Amino acid sequence: MNLKLFIYGVLLFLCAHLVTWFQLNGQFLWKFFKENTFLLALAGVPISYFYIWATKYTVESFGMLWPA
């Protein structure tokens, strides 16, 4: 197991989950989020890359998909 890649993957997953939480729940907390749904939808593109890279790094660290 490559610990460095595993840590990168975990950190990317944490960032992606955190940003996703704000993207989905911000509409209930802030007026800006409620009024700018298109911008929030566009934020899904970089969030998707975070998930893709996180999966890539964790799979490379373990050598298989299941533990990731």
N, C-alpha and C. Protein backbone atom coordinates (compact mmCIF):
# COMPACT_ATOMS: atom_id res chain seq x y z
N MET A 1 0.85 -1.18 0.00
CA MET A 1 0.00 0.00 0.00
C MET A 1 0.89 1.24 0.00
N ASN A 2 0.57 2.17 -0.86
CA ASN A 2 1.29 3.43 -0.94
C ASN A 2 0.57 4.45 -0.05
N LEU A 3 1.14 4.74 1.10
CA LEU A 3 0.49 5.60 2.08
C LEU A 3 0.30 7.02 1.57
N LYS A 4 1.25 7.53 0.80
CA LYS A 4 1.15 8.89 0.28
C LYS A 4 -0.07 9.04 -0.64
N LEU A 5 -0.26 8.11 -1.56
CA LEU A 5 -1.42 8.16 -2.46
C LEU A 5 -2.71 7.97 -1.69
N PHE A 6 -2.68 7.11 -0.68
CA PHE A 6 -3.87 6.89 0.13
C PHE A 6 -4.28 8.18 0.86
N ILE A 7 -3.32 8.88 1.42
CA ILE A 7 -3.63 10.14 2.13
C ILE A 7 -4.16 11.18 1.16
N TYR A 8 -3.54 11.29 -0.03
CA TYR A 8 -4.06 12.22 -1.05
C TYR A 8 -5.51 11.89 -1.38
N GLY A 9 -5.79 10.61 -1.59
CA GLY A 9 -7.15 10.20 -1.93
C GLY A 9 -8.15 10.53 -0.83
N VAL A 10 -7.78 10.24 0.41
CA VAL A 10 -8.67 10.52 1.54
C VAL A 10 -8.92 12.03 1.66
N LEU A 11 -7.87 12.83 1.52
CA LEU A 11 -8.04 14.28 1.60
C LEU A 11 -8.92 14.81 0.47
N LEU A 12 -8.77 14.26 -0.72
CA LEU A 12 -9.63 14.67 -1.82
C LEU A 12 -11.08 14.27 -1.58
N PHE A 13 -11.29 13.06 -1.04
CA PHE A 13 -12.65 12.65 -0.70
C PHE A 13 -13.26 13.57 0.35
N LEU A 14 -12.48 13.93 1.35
CA LEU A 14 -12.99 14.84 2.39
C LEU A 14 -13.35 16.20 1.81
N CYS A 15 -12.49 16.74 0.96
CA CYS A 15 -12.79 18.03 0.33
C CYS A 15 -14.03 17.94 -0.54
N ALA A 16 -14.13 16.86 -1.32
CA ALA A 16 -15.29 16.69 -2.19
C ALA A 16 -16.58 16.59 -1.39
N HIS A 17 -16.56 15.83 -0.31
CA HIS A 17 -17.75 15.69 0.53
C HIS A 17 -18.13 17.02 1.18
N LEU A 18 -17.14 17.75 1.63
CA LEU A 18 -17.39 19.04 2.27
C LEU A 18 -18.02 20.03 1.28
N VAL A 19 -17.44 20.14 0.10
CA VAL A 19 -17.96 21.06 -0.91
C VAL A 19 -19.35 20.62 -1.37
N THR A 20 -19.54 19.31 -1.50
CA THR A 20 -20.86 18.79 -1.89
C THR A 20 -21.91 19.15 -0.85
N TRP A 21 -21.55 19.07 0.44
CA TRP A 21 -22.50 19.41 1.49
C TRP A 21 -22.94 20.86 1.34
N PHE A 22 -21.99 21.76 1.13
CA PHE A 22 -22.34 23.17 0.95
C PHE A 22 -23.16 23.39 -0.32
N GLN A 23 -22.80 22.68 -1.38
CA GLN A 23 -23.54 22.82 -2.64
C GLN A 23 -25.00 22.42 -2.46
N LEU A 24 -25.25 21.34 -1.76
CA LEU A 24 -26.61 20.83 -1.63
C LEU A 24 -27.41 21.52 -0.54
N ASN A 25 -26.77 21.88 0.56
CA ASN A 25 -27.50 22.44 1.70
C ASN A 25 -27.41 23.95 1.82
N GLY A 26 -26.57 24.58 1.02
CA GLY A 26 -26.43 26.02 1.07
C GLY A 26 -27.71 26.76 0.76
N GLN A 27 -28.57 26.16 -0.04
CA GLN A 27 -29.84 26.81 -0.40
C GLN A 27 -30.73 27.04 0.81
N PHE A 28 -30.54 26.27 1.85
CA PHE A 28 -31.34 26.42 3.06
C PHE A 28 -30.70 27.38 4.07
N LEU A 29 -29.44 27.73 3.81
CA LEU A 29 -28.72 28.56 4.75
C LEU A 29 -28.45 29.98 4.26
N TRP A 30 -28.23 30.12 2.96
CA TRP A 30 -27.85 31.43 2.42
C TRP A 30 -28.69 31.80 1.20
N LYS A 31 -29.02 33.04 1.12
CA LYS A 31 -29.85 33.54 0.02
C LYS A 31 -29.12 33.41 -1.32
N PHE A 32 -27.82 33.67 -1.34
CA PHE A 32 -27.04 33.57 -2.59
C PHE A 32 -27.18 32.19 -3.22
N PHE A 33 -27.08 31.16 -2.42
CA PHE A 33 -27.18 29.79 -2.94
C PHE A 33 -28.57 29.52 -3.49
N LYS A 34 -29.57 30.06 -2.83
CA LYS A 34 -30.95 29.83 -3.26
C LYS A 34 -31.24 30.51 -4.60
N GLU A 35 -30.61 31.65 -4.81
CA GLU A 35 -30.89 32.44 -6.02
C GLU A 35 -29.99 32.07 -7.20
N ASN A 36 -28.94 31.34 -6.98
CA ASN A 36 -27.97 31.03 -8.04
C ASN A 36 -27.80 29.53 -8.23
N THR A 37 -28.88 28.86 -8.52
CA THR A 37 -28.82 27.41 -8.66
C THR A 37 -27.97 26.97 -9.86
N PHE A 38 -27.95 27.78 -10.92
CA PHE A 38 -27.14 27.41 -12.08
C PHE A 38 -25.65 27.39 -11.72
N LEU A 39 -25.21 28.38 -10.97
CA LEU A 39 -23.81 28.40 -10.53
C LEU A 39 -23.48 27.19 -9.66
N LEU A 40 -24.43 26.82 -8.82
CA LEU A 40 -24.22 25.64 -7.98
C LEU A 40 -24.14 24.38 -8.83
N ALA A 41 -24.95 24.32 -9.87
CA ALA A 41 -24.89 23.17 -10.77
C ALA A 41 -23.54 23.11 -11.48
N LEU A 42 -23.02 24.27 -11.86
CA LEU A 42 -21.70 24.31 -12.50
C LEU A 42 -20.59 23.87 -11.54
N ALA A 43 -20.80 24.09 -10.27
CA ALA A 43 -19.81 23.66 -9.27
C ALA A 43 -19.69 22.14 -9.24
N GLY A 44 -20.66 21.45 -9.79
CA GLY A 44 -20.61 19.99 -9.84
C GLY A 44 -19.48 19.46 -10.70
N VAL A 45 -19.02 20.25 -11.66
CA VAL A 45 -17.93 19.79 -12.54
C VAL A 45 -16.62 19.64 -11.75
N PRO A 46 -16.15 20.68 -11.06
CA PRO A 46 -14.92 20.46 -10.28
C PRO A 46 -15.09 19.46 -9.14
N ILE A 47 -16.29 19.40 -8.57
CA ILE A 47 -16.53 18.41 -7.52
C ILE A 47 -16.37 17.01 -8.08
N SER A 48 -16.86 16.79 -9.29
CA SER A 48 -16.71 15.48 -9.93
C SER A 48 -15.25 15.11 -10.12
N TYR A 49 -14.43 16.10 -10.50
CA TYR A 49 -13.00 15.84 -10.64
C TYR A 49 -12.37 15.45 -9.31
N PHE A 50 -12.79 16.09 -8.23
CA PHE A 50 -12.28 15.70 -6.91
C PHE A 50 -12.58 14.23 -6.64
N TYR A 51 -13.80 13.79 -6.93
CA TYR A 51 -14.16 12.39 -6.70
C TYR A 51 -13.38 11.45 -7.63
N ILE A 52 -13.20 11.85 -8.88
CA ILE A 52 -12.45 11.02 -9.83
C ILE A 52 -11.00 10.87 -9.37
N TRP A 53 -10.36 11.97 -9.00
CA TRP A 53 -8.97 11.92 -8.56
C TRP A 53 -8.84 11.16 -7.24
N ALA A 54 -9.78 11.35 -6.34
CA ALA A 54 -9.73 10.65 -5.07
C ALA A 54 -9.82 9.14 -5.29
N THR A 55 -10.71 8.73 -6.16
CA THR A 55 -10.84 7.30 -6.46
C THR A 55 -9.57 6.79 -7.12
N LYS A 56 -9.02 7.57 -8.05
CA LYS A 56 -7.79 7.17 -8.73
C LYS A 56 -6.66 6.94 -7.72
N TYR A 57 -6.46 7.88 -6.82
CA TYR A 57 -5.36 7.76 -5.86
C TYR A 57 -5.56 6.61 -4.88
N THR A 58 -6.77 6.43 -4.40
CA THR A 58 -6.99 5.34 -3.45
C THR A 58 -6.87 3.98 -4.13
N VAL A 59 -7.35 3.86 -5.36
CA VAL A 59 -7.20 2.59 -6.08
C VAL A 59 -5.72 2.32 -6.34
N GLU A 60 -4.98 3.35 -6.75
CA GLU A 60 -3.55 3.15 -6.99
C GLU A 60 -2.80 2.78 -5.70
N SER A 61 -3.26 3.31 -4.58
CA SER A 61 -2.57 3.01 -3.33
C SER A 61 -2.80 1.57 -2.89
N PHE A 62 -3.99 1.03 -3.13
CA PHE A 62 -4.29 -0.35 -2.74
C PHE A 62 -4.02 -1.36 -3.84
N GLY A 63 -4.07 -0.91 -5.11
CA GLY A 63 -3.89 -1.81 -6.22
C GLY A 63 -5.17 -2.50 -6.67
N MET A 64 -6.28 -2.16 -6.05
CA MET A 64 -7.57 -2.72 -6.45
C MET A 64 -8.69 -1.74 -6.05
N LEU A 65 -9.85 -1.90 -6.65
CA LEU A 65 -10.95 -0.95 -6.46
C LEU A 65 -11.70 -1.19 -5.14
N TRP A 66 -11.88 -2.41 -4.73
CA TRP A 66 -12.76 -2.71 -3.61
C TRP A 66 -12.39 -1.96 -2.33
N PRO A 67 -11.14 -1.93 -1.88
CA PRO A 67 -10.84 -1.21 -0.63
C PRO A 67 -11.06 0.30 -0.74
N ALA A 68 -10.96 0.83 -1.95
CA ALA A 68 -11.12 2.27 -2.13
C ALA A 68 -12.54 2.68 -1.87
